[in-house]
Full PDB file with SEQRES, HELIX, SHEET, SSBOND, CRYST1, ORIGX, SCALE, CONECT and MASTER records, all heavy atoms in Angstrom:
SEQRES   1 A   44  ASP GLN ARG ALA ALA ARG GLN GLN ASP ALA ARG ARG THR          
SEQRES   2 A   44  ALA TYR ALA THR PHE LEU ALA ALA ALA GLU LEU ARG ALA          
SEQRES   3 A   44  ASP GLU LEU GLY PRO GLY GLY ARG PHE VAL LEU ALA GLY          
SEQRES   4 A   44  ALA ARG ARG GLN GLY                                          
HELIX    1 AA1 GLN A    2  LEU A   29  1                                  28    
CRYST1    1.000    1.000    1.000  90.00  90.00  90.00 P 1           1          
ORIGX1      1.000000  0.000000  0.000000        0.00000                         
ORIGX2      0.000000  1.000000  0.000000        0.00000                         
ORIGX3      0.000000  0.000000  1.000000        0.00000                         
SCALE1      1.000000  0.000000  0.000000        0.00000                         
SCALE2      0.000000  1.000000  0.000000        0.00000                         
SCALE3      0.000000  0.000000  1.000000        0.00000                         
ATOM      1  N   ASP A   1      67.671  66.896 104.439  1.00  0.00           N  
ATOM      2  CA  ASP A   1      67.644  68.354 104.579  1.00  0.00           C  
ATOM      3  C   ASP A   1      68.724  68.836 105.542  1.00  0.00           C  
ATOM      4  O   ASP A   1      69.396  69.839 105.287  1.00  0.00           O  
ATOM      5  CB  ASP A   1      66.269  68.833 105.064  1.00  0.00           C  
ATOM      6  CG  ASP A   1      65.186  68.662 104.011  1.00  0.00           C  
ATOM      7  OD1 ASP A   1      65.517  68.407 102.827  1.00  0.00           O  
ATOM      8  OD2 ASP A   1      63.993  68.774 104.375  1.00  0.00           O  
ATOM      9  N   GLN A   2      68.902  68.118 106.645  1.00  0.00           N  
ATOM     10  CA  GLN A   2      69.939  68.492 107.606  1.00  0.00           C  
ATOM     11  C   GLN A   2      71.329  68.331 106.998  1.00  0.00           C  
ATOM     12  O   GLN A   2      72.207  69.178 107.209  1.00  0.00           O  
ATOM     13  CB  GLN A   2      69.823  67.653 108.881  1.00  0.00           C  
ATOM     14  CG  GLN A   2      68.615  68.003 109.716  1.00  0.00           C  
ATOM     15  CD  GLN A   2      68.425  67.055 110.890  1.00  0.00           C  
ATOM     16  OE1 GLN A   2      69.060  66.006 110.980  1.00  0.00           O  
ATOM     17  NE2 GLN A   2      67.531  67.417 111.794  1.00  0.00           N  
ATOM     18  N   ARG A   3      71.529  67.273 106.235  1.00  0.00           N  
ATOM     19  CA  ARG A   3      72.820  67.053 105.575  1.00  0.00           C  
ATOM     20  C   ARG A   3      73.100  68.180 104.581  1.00  0.00           C  
ATOM     21  O   ARG A   3      74.212  68.715 104.514  1.00  0.00           O  
ATOM     22  CB  ARG A   3      72.824  65.704 104.863  1.00  0.00           C  
ATOM     23  CG  ARG A   3      74.153  65.312 104.277  1.00  0.00           C  
ATOM     24  CD  ARG A   3      74.138  63.935 103.596  1.00  0.00           C  
ATOM     25  NE  ARG A   3      73.630  62.881 104.468  1.00  0.00           N  
ATOM     26  CZ  ARG A   3      72.479  62.228 104.279  1.00  0.00           C  
ATOM     27  NH1 ARG A   3      71.706  62.512 103.267  1.00  0.00           N  
ATOM     28  NH2 ARG A   3      72.092  61.284 105.107  1.00  0.00           N  
ATOM     29  N   ALA A   4      72.092  68.555 103.813  1.00  0.00           N  
ATOM     30  CA  ALA A   4      72.251  69.639 102.842  1.00  0.00           C  
ATOM     31  C   ALA A   4      72.550  70.965 103.547  1.00  0.00           C  
ATOM     32  O   ALA A   4      73.380  71.747 103.081  1.00  0.00           O  
ATOM     33  CB  ALA A   4      70.989  69.769 101.987  1.00  0.00           C  
ATOM     34  N   ALA A   5      71.881  71.207 104.678  1.00  0.00           N  
ATOM     35  CA  ALA A   5      72.128  72.445 105.432  1.00  0.00           C  
ATOM     36  C   ALA A   5      73.553  72.472 105.979  1.00  0.00           C  
ATOM     37  O   ALA A   5      74.225  73.508 105.931  1.00  0.00           O  
ATOM     38  CB  ALA A   5      71.120  72.583 106.571  1.00  0.00           C  
ATOM     39  N   ARG A   6      74.022  71.331 106.461  1.00  0.00           N  
ATOM     40  CA  ARG A   6      75.416  71.269 106.952  1.00  0.00           C  
ATOM     41  C   ARG A   6      76.394  71.511 105.811  1.00  0.00           C  
ATOM     42  O   ARG A   6      77.403  72.205 105.982  1.00  0.00           O  
ATOM     43  CB  ARG A   6      75.693  69.928 107.631  1.00  0.00           C  
ATOM     44  CG  ARG A   6      75.123  69.812 109.025  1.00  0.00           C  
ATOM     45  CD  ARG A   6      75.659  68.586 109.765  1.00  0.00           C  
ATOM     46  NE  ARG A   6      75.535  67.339 109.028  1.00  0.00           N  
ATOM     47  CZ  ARG A   6      74.475  66.540 109.046  1.00  0.00           C  
ATOM     48  NH1 ARG A   6      73.431  66.854 109.777  1.00  0.00           N  
ATOM     49  NH2 ARG A   6      74.458  65.421 108.344  1.00  0.00           N  
ATOM     50  N   GLN A   7      76.106  70.939 104.649  1.00  0.00           N  
ATOM     51  CA  GLN A   7      76.984  71.140 103.501  1.00  0.00           C  
ATOM     52  C   GLN A   7      76.978  72.607 103.079  1.00  0.00           C  
ATOM     53  O   GLN A   7      78.032  73.170 102.789  1.00  0.00           O  
ATOM     54  CB  GLN A   7      76.552  70.266 102.331  1.00  0.00           C  
ATOM     55  CG  GLN A   7      77.489  70.394 101.133  1.00  0.00           C  
ATOM     56  CD  GLN A   7      77.024  69.568  99.951  1.00  0.00           C  
ATOM     57  OE1 GLN A   7      75.834  69.365  99.752  1.00  0.00           O  
ATOM     58  NE2 GLN A   7      77.972  69.105  99.159  1.00  0.00           N  
ATOM     59  N   GLN A   8      75.813  73.231 103.073  1.00  0.00           N  
ATOM     60  CA  GLN A   8      75.722  74.653 102.742  1.00  0.00           C  
ATOM     61  C   GLN A   8      76.528  75.488 103.726  1.00  0.00           C  
ATOM     62  O   GLN A   8      77.233  76.409 103.330  1.00  0.00           O  
ATOM     63  CB  GLN A   8      74.265  75.120 102.734  1.00  0.00           C  
ATOM     64  CG  GLN A   8      73.456  74.609 101.576  1.00  0.00           C  
ATOM     65  CD  GLN A   8      73.885  75.213 100.266  1.00  0.00           C  
ATOM     66  OE1 GLN A   8      74.839  74.764  99.637  1.00  0.00           O  
ATOM     67  NE2 GLN A   8      73.208  76.250  99.862  1.00  0.00           N  
ATOM     68  N   ASP A   9      76.415  75.171 105.012  1.00  0.00           N  
ATOM     69  CA  ASP A   9      77.168  75.912 106.025  1.00  0.00           C  
ATOM     70  C   ASP A   9      78.674  75.734 105.834  1.00  0.00           C  
ATOM     71  O   ASP A   9      79.435  76.697 105.952  1.00  0.00           O  
ATOM     72  CB  ASP A   9      76.766  75.470 107.438  1.00  0.00           C  
ATOM     73  CG  ASP A   9      75.386  75.955 107.831  1.00  0.00           C  
ATOM     74  OD1 ASP A   9      74.847  76.868 107.165  1.00  0.00           O  
ATOM     75  OD2 ASP A   9      74.827  75.410 108.807  1.00  0.00           O  
ATOM     76  N   ALA A  10      79.097  74.511 105.535  1.00  0.00           N  
ATOM     77  CA  ALA A  10      80.521  74.260 105.322  1.00  0.00           C  
ATOM     78  C   ALA A  10      81.025  75.016 104.099  1.00  0.00           C  
ATOM     79  O   ALA A  10      82.112  75.610 104.130  1.00  0.00           O  
ATOM     80  CB  ALA A  10      80.776  72.761 105.161  1.00  0.00           C  
ATOM     81  N   ARG A  11      80.244  75.014 103.042  1.00  0.00           N  
ATOM     82  CA  ARG A  11      80.633  75.760 101.838  1.00  0.00           C  
ATOM     83  C   ARG A  11      80.684  77.256 102.118  1.00  0.00           C  
ATOM     84  O   ARG A  11      81.636  77.931 101.736  1.00  0.00           O  
ATOM     85  CB  ARG A  11      79.661  75.473 100.694  1.00  0.00           C  
ATOM     86  CG  ARG A  11      79.897  74.150 100.048  1.00  0.00           C  
ATOM     87  CD  ARG A  11      78.966  73.932  98.879  1.00  0.00           C  
ATOM     88  NE  ARG A  11      79.363  72.722  98.168  1.00  0.00           N  
ATOM     89  CZ  ARG A  11      78.717  72.243  97.135  1.00  0.00           C  
ATOM     90  NH1 ARG A  11      77.632  72.839  96.675  1.00  0.00           N  
ATOM     91  NH2 ARG A  11      79.149  71.145  96.538  1.00  0.00           N  
ATOM     92  N   ARG A  12      79.658  77.762 102.764  1.00  0.00           N  
ATOM     93  CA  ARG A  12      79.616  79.193 103.069  1.00  0.00           C  
ATOM     94  C   ARG A  12      80.837  79.596 103.885  1.00  0.00           C  
ATOM     95  O   ARG A  12      81.479  80.609 103.611  1.00  0.00           O  
ATOM     96  CB  ARG A  12      78.321  79.517 103.822  1.00  0.00           C  
ATOM     97  CG  ARG A  12      78.061  80.997 104.010  1.00  0.00           C  
ATOM     98  CD  ARG A  12      76.698  81.255 104.658  1.00  0.00           C  
ATOM     99  NE  ARG A  12      75.621  80.926 103.740  1.00  0.00           N  
ATOM    100  CZ  ARG A  12      74.793  79.893 103.869  1.00  0.00           C  
ATOM    101  NH1 ARG A  12      74.899  79.087 104.909  1.00  0.00           N  
ATOM    102  NH2 ARG A  12      73.840  79.661 103.002  1.00  0.00           N  
ATOM    103  N   THR A  13      81.192  78.782 104.867  1.00  0.00           N  
ATOM    104  CA  THR A  13      82.362  79.064 105.704  1.00  0.00           C  
ATOM    105  C   THR A  13      83.642  79.012 104.869  1.00  0.00           C  
ATOM    106  O   THR A  13      84.502  79.893 104.999  1.00  0.00           O  
ATOM    107  CB  THR A  13      82.435  78.058 106.872  1.00  0.00           C  
ATOM    108  OG1 THR A  13      81.255  78.206 107.663  1.00  0.00           O  
ATOM    109  CG2 THR A  13      83.650  78.289 107.734  1.00  0.00           C  
ATOM    110  N   ALA A  14      83.776  78.008 104.017  1.00  0.00           N  
ATOM    111  CA  ALA A  14      84.972  77.892 103.170  1.00  0.00           C  
ATOM    112  C   ALA A  14      85.081  79.082 102.232  1.00  0.00           C  
ATOM    113  O   ALA A  14      86.177  79.644 102.058  1.00  0.00           O  
ATOM    114  CB  ALA A  14      84.928  76.587 102.376  1.00  0.00           C  
ATOM    115  N   TYR A  15      83.969  79.486 101.633  1.00  0.00           N  
ATOM    116  CA  TYR A  15      83.994  80.610 100.698  1.00  0.00           C  
ATOM    117  C   TYR A  15      84.357  81.913 101.412  1.00  0.00           C  
ATOM    118  O   TYR A  15      85.150  82.707 100.912  1.00  0.00           O  
ATOM    119  CB  TYR A  15      82.648  80.769 100.000  1.00  0.00           C  
ATOM    120  CG  TYR A  15      82.183  79.572  99.197  1.00  0.00           C  
ATOM    121  CD1 TYR A  15      80.858  79.447  98.828  1.00  0.00           C  
ATOM    122  CD2 TYR A  15      83.059  78.554  98.818  1.00  0.00           C  
ATOM    123  CE1 TYR A  15      80.416  78.355  98.091  1.00  0.00           C  
ATOM    124  CE2 TYR A  15      82.616  77.454  98.088  1.00  0.00           C  
ATOM    125  CZ  TYR A  15      81.290  77.374  97.723  1.00  0.00           C  
ATOM    126  OH  TYR A  15      80.860  76.292  97.003  1.00  0.00           O  
ATOM    127  N   ALA A  16      83.763  82.129 102.582  1.00  0.00           N  
ATOM    128  CA  ALA A  16      84.053  83.348 103.339  1.00  0.00           C  
ATOM    129  C   ALA A  16      85.502  83.368 103.810  1.00  0.00           C  
ATOM    130  O   ALA A  16      86.167  84.415 103.764  1.00  0.00           O  
ATOM    131  CB  ALA A  16      83.101  83.465 104.531  1.00  0.00           C  
ATOM    132  N   THR A  17      85.997  82.219 104.234  1.00  0.00           N  
ATOM    133  CA  THR A  17      87.391  82.118 104.679  1.00  0.00           C  
ATOM    134  C   THR A  17      88.338  82.415 103.515  1.00  0.00           C  
ATOM    135  O   THR A  17      89.311  83.157 103.665  1.00  0.00           O  
ATOM    136  CB  THR A  17      87.674  80.718 105.261  1.00  0.00           C  
ATOM    137  OG1 THR A  17      86.796  80.507 106.362  1.00  0.00           O  
ATOM    138  CG2 THR A  17      89.112  80.577 105.719  1.00  0.00           C  
ATOM    139  N   PHE A  18      88.040  81.855 102.358  1.00  0.00           N  
ATOM    140  CA  PHE A  18      88.878  82.100 101.183  1.00  0.00           C  
ATOM    141  C   PHE A  18      88.835  83.571 100.799  1.00  0.00           C  
ATOM    142  O   PHE A  18      89.880  84.179 100.510  1.00  0.00           O  
ATOM    143  CB  PHE A  18      88.430  81.234 100.000  1.00  0.00           C  
ATOM    144  CG  PHE A  18      89.200  81.524  98.745  1.00  0.00           C  
ATOM    145  CD1 PHE A  18      90.494  81.055  98.602  1.00  0.00           C  
ATOM    146  CD2 PHE A  18      88.651  82.288  97.727  1.00  0.00           C  
ATOM    147  CE1 PHE A  18      91.229  81.334  97.454  1.00  0.00           C  
ATOM    148  CE2 PHE A  18      89.375  82.567  96.585  1.00  0.00           C  
ATOM    149  CZ  PHE A  18      90.666  82.088  96.436  1.00  0.00           C  
ATOM    150  N   LEU A  19      87.655  84.141 100.782  1.00  0.00           N  
ATOM    151  CA  LEU A  19      87.517  85.547 100.398  1.00  0.00           C  
ATOM    152  C   LEU A  19      88.288  86.450 101.349  1.00  0.00           C  
ATOM    153  O   LEU A  19      89.007  87.361 100.914  1.00  0.00           O  
ATOM    154  CB  LEU A  19      86.035  85.927 100.360  1.00  0.00           C  
ATOM    155  CG  LEU A  19      85.688  87.255  99.723  1.00  0.00           C  
ATOM    156  CD1 LEU A  19      86.201  87.326  98.289  1.00  0.00           C  
ATOM    157  CD2 LEU A  19      84.185  87.453  99.750  1.00  0.00           C  
ATOM    158  N   ALA A  20      88.178  86.195 102.646  1.00  0.00           N  
ATOM    159  CA  ALA A  20      88.910  87.003 103.631  1.00  0.00           C  
ATOM    160  C   ALA A  20      90.417  86.846 103.451  1.00  0.00           C  
ATOM    161  O   ALA A  20      91.162  87.837 103.480  1.00  0.00           O  
ATOM    162  CB  ALA A  20      88.493  86.608 105.042  1.00  0.00           C  
ATOM    163  N   ALA A  21      90.887  85.616 103.241  1.00  0.00           N  
ATOM    164  CA  ALA A  21      92.326  85.378 103.052  1.00  0.00           C  
ATOM    165  C   ALA A  21      92.814  86.033 101.763  1.00  0.00           C  
ATOM    166  O   ALA A  21      93.918  86.606 101.728  1.00  0.00           O  
ATOM    167  CB  ALA A  21      92.614  83.879 103.044  1.00  0.00           C  
ATOM    168  N   ALA A  22      92.008  85.968 100.710  1.00  0.00           N  
ATOM    169  CA  ALA A  22      92.388  86.594  99.442  1.00  0.00           C  
ATOM    170  C   ALA A  22      92.472  88.108  99.599  1.00  0.00           C  
ATOM    171  O   ALA A  22      93.398  88.746  99.072  1.00  0.00           O  
ATOM    172  CB  ALA A  22      91.388  86.217  98.348  1.00  0.00           C  
ATOM    173  N   GLU A  23      91.536  88.684 100.307  1.00  0.00           N  
ATOM    174  CA  GLU A  23      91.563  90.129 100.510  1.00  0.00           C  
ATOM    175  C   GLU A  23      92.765  90.557 101.335  1.00  0.00           C  
ATOM    176  O   GLU A  23      93.404  91.572 101.041  1.00  0.00           O  
ATOM    177  CB  GLU A  23      90.255  90.595 101.144  1.00  0.00           C  
ATOM    178  CG  GLU A  23      89.097  90.526 100.166  1.00  0.00           C  
ATOM    179  CD  GLU A  23      87.760  90.897 100.781  1.00  0.00           C  
ATOM    180  OE1 GLU A  23      87.650  90.949 102.022  1.00  0.00           O  
ATOM    181  OE2 GLU A  23      86.825  91.119 100.000  1.00  0.00           O  
ATOM    182  N   LEU A  24      93.092  89.772 102.347  1.00  0.00           N  
ATOM    183  CA  LEU A  24      94.277  90.099 103.146  1.00  0.00           C  
ATOM    184  C   LEU A  24      95.547  89.995 102.303  1.00  0.00           C  
ATOM    185  O   LEU A  24      96.442  90.835 102.405  1.00  0.00           O  
ATOM    186  CB  LEU A  24      94.368  89.194 104.371  1.00  0.00           C  
ATOM    187  CG  LEU A  24      93.381  89.523 105.493  1.00  0.00           C  
ATOM    188  CD1 LEU A  24      93.415  88.432 106.555  1.00  0.00           C  
ATOM    189  CD2 LEU A  24      93.688  90.880 106.097  1.00  0.00           C  
ATOM    190  N   ARG A  25      95.621  88.953 101.481  1.00  0.00           N  
ATOM    191  CA  ARG A  25      96.796  88.781 100.618  1.00  0.00           C  
ATOM    192  C   ARG A  25      96.861  89.905  99.589  1.00  0.00           C  
ATOM    193  O   ARG A  25      97.937  90.457  99.323  1.00  0.00           O  
ATOM    194  CB  ARG A  25      96.738  87.418  99.933  1.00  0.00           C  
ATOM    195  CG  ARG A  25      97.893  87.149  99.005  1.00  0.00           C  
ATOM    196  CD  ARG A  25      99.190  87.034  99.768  1.00  0.00           C  
ATOM    197  NE  ARG A  25     100.253  86.630  98.839  1.00  0.00           N  
ATOM    198  CZ  ARG A  25     101.509  86.931  99.011  1.00  0.00           C  
ATOM    199  NH1 ARG A  25     101.914  87.606 100.064  1.00  0.00           N  
ATOM    200  NH2 ARG A  25     102.394  86.537  98.121  1.00  0.00           N  
ATOM    201  N   ALA A  26      95.732  90.257  99.003  1.00  0.00           N  
ATOM    202  CA  ALA A  26      95.705  91.347  98.027  1.00  0.00           C  
ATOM    203  C   ALA A  26      96.104  92.659  98.692  1.00  0.00           C  
ATOM    204  O   ALA A  26      96.828  93.470  98.104  1.00  0.00           O  
ATOM    205  CB  ALA A  26      94.314  91.457  97.405  1.00  0.00           C  
ATOM    206  N   ASP A  27      95.649  92.871  99.903  1.00  0.00           N  
ATOM    207  CA  ASP A  27      96.001  94.073 100.652  1.00  0.00           C  
ATOM    208  C   ASP A  27      97.507  94.118 100.886  1.00  0.00           C  
ATOM    209  O   ASP A  27      98.143  95.155 100.758  1.00  0.00           O  
ATOM    210  CB  ASP A  27      95.241  94.085 101.982  1.00  0.00           C  
ATOM    211  CG  ASP A  27      95.396  95.397 102.726  1.00  0.00           C  
ATOM    212  OD1 ASP A  27      95.492  96.441 102.062  1.00  0.00           O  
ATOM    213  OD2 ASP A  27      95.423  95.354 103.961  1.00  0.00           O  
ATOM    214  N   GLU A  28      98.075  92.969 101.198  1.00  0.00           N  
ATOM    215  CA  GLU A  28      99.508  92.865 101.445  1.00  0.00           C  
ATOM    216  C   GLU A  28     100.300  93.181 100.175  1.00  0.00           C  
ATOM    217  O   GLU A  28     101.362  93.798 100.236  1.00  0.00           O  
ATOM    218  CB  GLU A  28      99.824  91.451 101.917  1.00  0.00           C  
ATOM    219  CG  GLU A  28     101.267  91.183 102.262  1.00  0.00           C  
ATOM    220  CD  GLU A  28     101.438  89.769 102.777  1.00  0.00           C  
ATOM    221  OE1 GLU A  28     101.283  89.566 103.992  1.00  0.00           O  
ATOM    222  OE2 GLU A  28     101.700  88.878 101.948  1.00  0.00           O  
ATOM    223  N   LEU A  29      99.784  92.762  99.025  1.00  0.00           N  
ATOM    224  CA  LEU A  29     100.474  92.987  97.751  1.00  0.00           C  
ATOM    225  C   LEU A  29     100.107  94.318  97.114  1.00  0.00           C  
ATOM    226  O   LEU A  29     100.719  94.708  96.129  1.00  0.00           O  
ATOM    227  CB  LEU A  29     100.125  91.867  96.760  1.00  0.00           C  
ATOM    228  CG  LEU A  29     100.545  90.457  97.150  1.00  0.00           C  
ATOM    229  CD1 LEU A  29      99.992  89.462  96.143  1.00  0.00           C  
ATOM    230  CD2 LEU A  29     102.051  90.358  97.247  1.00  0.00           C  
ATOM    231  N   GLY A  30      99.093  94.981  97.652  1.00  0.00           N  
ATOM    232  CA  GLY A  30      98.541  96.188  97.040  1.00  0.00           C  
ATOM    233  C   GLY A  30      99.520  97.343  96.981  1.00  0.00           C  
ATOM    234  O   GLY A  30     100.545  97.351  97.645  1.00  0.00           O  
ATOM    235  N   PRO A  31      99.180  98.352  96.163  1.00  0.00           N  
ATOM    236  CA  PRO A  31     100.061  99.494  95.933  1.00  0.00           C  
ATOM    237  C   PRO A  31     100.033 100.499  97.087  1.00  0.00           C  
ATOM    238  O   PRO A  31      99.288 101.471  97.050  1.00  0.00           O  
ATOM    239  CB  PRO A  31      99.516 100.110  94.651  1.00  0.00           C  
ATOM    240  CG  PRO A  31      98.060  99.768  94.686  1.00  0.00           C  
ATOM    241  CD  PRO A  31      97.976  98.419  95.355  1.00  0.00           C  
ATOM    242  N   GLY A  32     100.805 100.212  98.123  1.00  0.00           N  
ATOM    243  CA  GLY A  32     100.957 101.171  99.214  1.00  0.00           C  
ATOM    244  C   GLY A  32      99.696 101.380 100.019  1.00  0.00           C  
ATOM    245  O   GLY A  32      99.517 102.426 100.629  1.00  0.00           O  
ATOM    246  N   GLY A  33      98.830 100.465 100.022  1.00  0.00           N  
ATOM    247  CA  GLY A  33      97.609 100.644 100.796  1.00  0.00           C  
ATOM    248  C   GLY A  33      96.566  99.628 100.404  1.00  0.00           C  
ATOM    249  O   GLY A  33      96.800  98.747  99.595  1.00  0.00           O  
ATOM    250  N   ARG A  34      95.408  99.808 100.945  1.00  0.00           N  
ATOM    251  CA  ARG A  34      94.350  98.839 100.727  1.00  0.00           C  
ATOM    252  C   ARG A  34      93.540  99.217  99.500  1.00  0.00           C  
ATOM    253  O   ARG A  34      93.267 100.374  99.260  1.00  0.00           O  
ATOM    254  CB  ARG A  34      93.466  98.785 101.958  1.00  0.00           C  
ATOM    255  CG  ARG A  34      94.214  98.289 103.162  1.00  0.00           C  
ATOM    256  CD  ARG A  34      93.568  98.664 104.473  1.00  0.00           C  
ATOM    257  NE  ARG A  34      92.158  98.843 104.396  1.00  0.00           N  
ATOM    258  CZ  ARG A  34      91.267  98.017 104.932  1.00  0.00           C  
ATOM    259  NH1 ARG A  34      91.675  96.989 105.607  1.00  0.00           N  
ATOM    260  NH2 ARG A  34      89.993  98.236 104.822  1.00  0.00           N  
ATOM    261  N   PHE A  35      93.149  98.198  98.741  1.00  0.00           N  
ATOM    262  CA  PHE A  35      92.289  98.452  97.590  1.00  0.00           C  
ATOM    263  C   PHE A  35      91.075  97.549  97.587  1.00  0.00           C  
ATOM    264  O   PHE A  35      90.348  97.475  96.618  1.00  0.00           O  
ATOM    265  CB  PHE A  35      93.064  98.313  96.275  1.00  0.00           C  
ATOM    266  CG  PHE A  35      93.678  96.966  96.057  1.00  0.00           C  
ATOM    267  CD1 PHE A  35      92.957  95.932  95.479  1.00  0.00           C  
ATOM    268  CD2 PHE A  35      94.983  96.736  96.425  1.00  0.00           C  
ATOM    269  CE1 PHE A  35      93.539  94.698  95.274  1.00  0.00           C  
ATOM    270  CE2 PHE A  35      95.572  95.500  96.220  1.00  0.00           C  
ATOM    271  CZ  PHE A  35      94.850  94.481  95.644  1.00  0.00           C  
ATOM    272  N   VAL A  36      90.857  96.836  98.669  1.00  0.00           N  
ATOM    273  CA  VAL A  36      89.681  95.974  98.777  1.00  0.00           C  
ATOM    274  C   VAL A  36      89.004  96.243 100.110  1.00  0.00           C  
ATOM    275  O   VAL A  36      89.558  96.910 100.972  1.00  0.00           O  
ATOM    276  CB  VAL A  36      90.065  94.474  98.682  1.00  0.00           C  
ATOM    277  CG1 VAL A  36      90.605  94.147  97.320  1.00  0.00           C  
ATOM    278  CG2 VAL A  36      91.052  94.103  99.751  1.00  0.00           C  
ATOM    279  N   LEU A  37      87.861  95.682 100.282  1.00  0.00           N  
ATOM    280  CA  LEU A  37      87.090  95.877 101.506  1.00  0.00           C  
ATOM    281  C   LEU A  37      87.464  94.841 102.551  1.00  0.00           C  
ATOM    282  O   LEU A  37      86.614  94.160 103.103  1.00  0.00           O  
ATOM    283  CB  LEU A  37      85.591  95.795 101.188  1.00  0.00           C  
ATOM    284  CG  LEU A  37      85.097  96.775 100.138  1.00  0.00           C  
ATOM    285  CD1 LEU A  37      83.649  96.476  99.801  1.00  0.00           C  
ATOM    286  CD2 LEU A  37      85.258  98.198 100.613  1.00  0.00           C  
ATOM    287  N   ALA A  38      88.748  94.730 102.818  1.00  0.00           N  
ATOM    288  CA  ALA A  38      89.209  93.727 103.780  1.00  0.00           C  
ATOM    289  C   ALA A  38      89.232  94.324 105.171  1.00  0.00           C  
ATOM    290  O   ALA A  38      89.284  95.536 105.341  1.00  0.00           O  
ATOM    291  CB  ALA A  38      90.618  93.262 103.405  1.00  0.00           C  
ATOM    292  N   GLY A  39      89.222  93.448 106.175  1.00  0.00           N  
ATOM    293  CA  GLY A  39      89.353  93.894 107.551  1.00  0.00           C  
ATOM    294  C   GLY A  39      90.779  94.350 107.801  1.00  0.00           C  
ATOM    295  O   GLY A  39      91.643  94.268 106.929  1.00  0.00           O  
ATOM    296  N   ALA A  40      91.025  94.836 108.972  1.00  0.00           N  
ATOM    297  CA  ALA A  40      92.363  95.311 109.313  1.00  0.00           C  
ATOM    298  C   ALA A  40      93.362  94.162 109.176  1.00  0.00           C  
ATOM    299  O   ALA A  40      93.048  93.020 109.464  1.00  0.00           O  
ATOM    300  CB  ALA A  40      92.382  95.849 110.735  1.00  0.00           C  
ATOM    301  N   ARG A  41      94.542  94.509 108.737  1.00  0.00           N  
ATOM    302  CA  ARG A  41      95.590  93.499 108.564  1.00  0.00           C  
ATOM    303  C   ARG A  41      95.932  92.895 109.915  1.00  0.00           C  
ATOM    304  O   ARG A  41      96.098  93.586 110.903  1.00  0.00           O  
ATOM    305  CB  ARG A  41      96.822  94.137 107.948  1.00  0.00           C  
ATOM    306  CG  ARG A  41      97.894  93.118 107.624  1.00  0.00           C  
ATOM    307  CD  ARG A  41      99.074  93.759 107.006  1.00  0.00           C  
ATOM    308  NE  ARG A  41      98.631  94.551 105.862  1.00  0.00           N  
ATOM    309  CZ  ARG A  41      99.442  95.040 104.959  1.00  0.00           C  
ATOM    310  NH1 ARG A  41     100.720  94.844 105.043  1.00  0.00           N  
ATOM    311  NH2 ARG A  41      98.987  95.748 103.968  1.00  0.00           N  
ATOM    312  N   ARG A  42      96.013  91.576 109.956  1.00  0.00           N  
ATOM    313  CA  ARG A  42      96.348  90.882 111.192  1.00  0.00           C  
ATOM    314  C   ARG A  42      97.861  90.793 111.297  1.00  0.00           C  
ATOM    315  O   ARG A  42      98.522  90.365 110.363  1.00  0.00           O  
ATOM    316  CB  ARG A  42      95.737  89.488 111.190  1.00  0.00           C  
ATOM    317  CG  ARG A  42      94.222  89.529 111.134  1.00  0.00           C  
ATOM    318  CD  ARG A  42      93.657  88.160 110.990  1.00  0.00           C  
ATOM    319  NE  ARG A  42      93.972  87.680 109.635  1.00  0.00           N  
ATOM    320  CZ  ARG A  42      93.689  86.479 109.197  1.00  0.00           C  
ATOM    321  NH1 ARG A  42      93.098  85.618 109.980  1.00  0.00           N  
ATOM    322  NH2 ARG A  42      93.995  86.107 107.969  1.00  0.00           N  
ATOM    323  N   GLN A  43      98.377  91.198 112.402  1.00  0.00           N  
ATOM    324  CA  GLN A  43      99.822  91.180 112.581  1.00  0.00           C  
ATOM    325  C   GLN A  43     100.305  89.775 112.863  1.00  0.00           C  
ATOM    326  O   GLN A  43      99.654  88.998 113.538  1.00  0.00           O  
ATOM    327  CB  GLN A  43     100.224  92.107 113.726  1.00  0.00           C  
ATOM    328  CG  GLN A  43      99.960  93.558 113.399  1.00  0.00           C  
ATOM    329  CD  GLN A  43     100.495  94.463 114.489  1.00  0.00           C  
ATOM    330  OE1 GLN A  43     101.069  94.020 115.459  1.00  0.00           O  
ATOM    331  NE2 GLN A  43     100.278  95.750 114.304  1.00  0.00           N  
ATOM    332  N   GLY A  44     101.501  89.465 112.367  1.00  0.00           N  
ATOM    333  CA  GLY A  44     102.143  88.198 112.666  1.00  0.00           C  
ATOM    334  C   GLY A  44     101.584  87.015 111.908  1.00  0.00           C  
ATOM    335  O   GLY A  44     101.953  85.890 112.196  1.00  0.00           O  
TER     336      GLY A  44                                                      
MASTER        0    0    0    1    0    0    0    6  335    1    0    4          
END                                                                             
């Protein structure tokens, strides 16, 4: 059960990280502004 919980946490973190990175990239490529529910663009 502990191993499964750790795996779930690792997956959840990977999925959230990917989603955030995808939203930032989409925002960067977007038409003159944001079109997704991403956080503020990180500078640098």
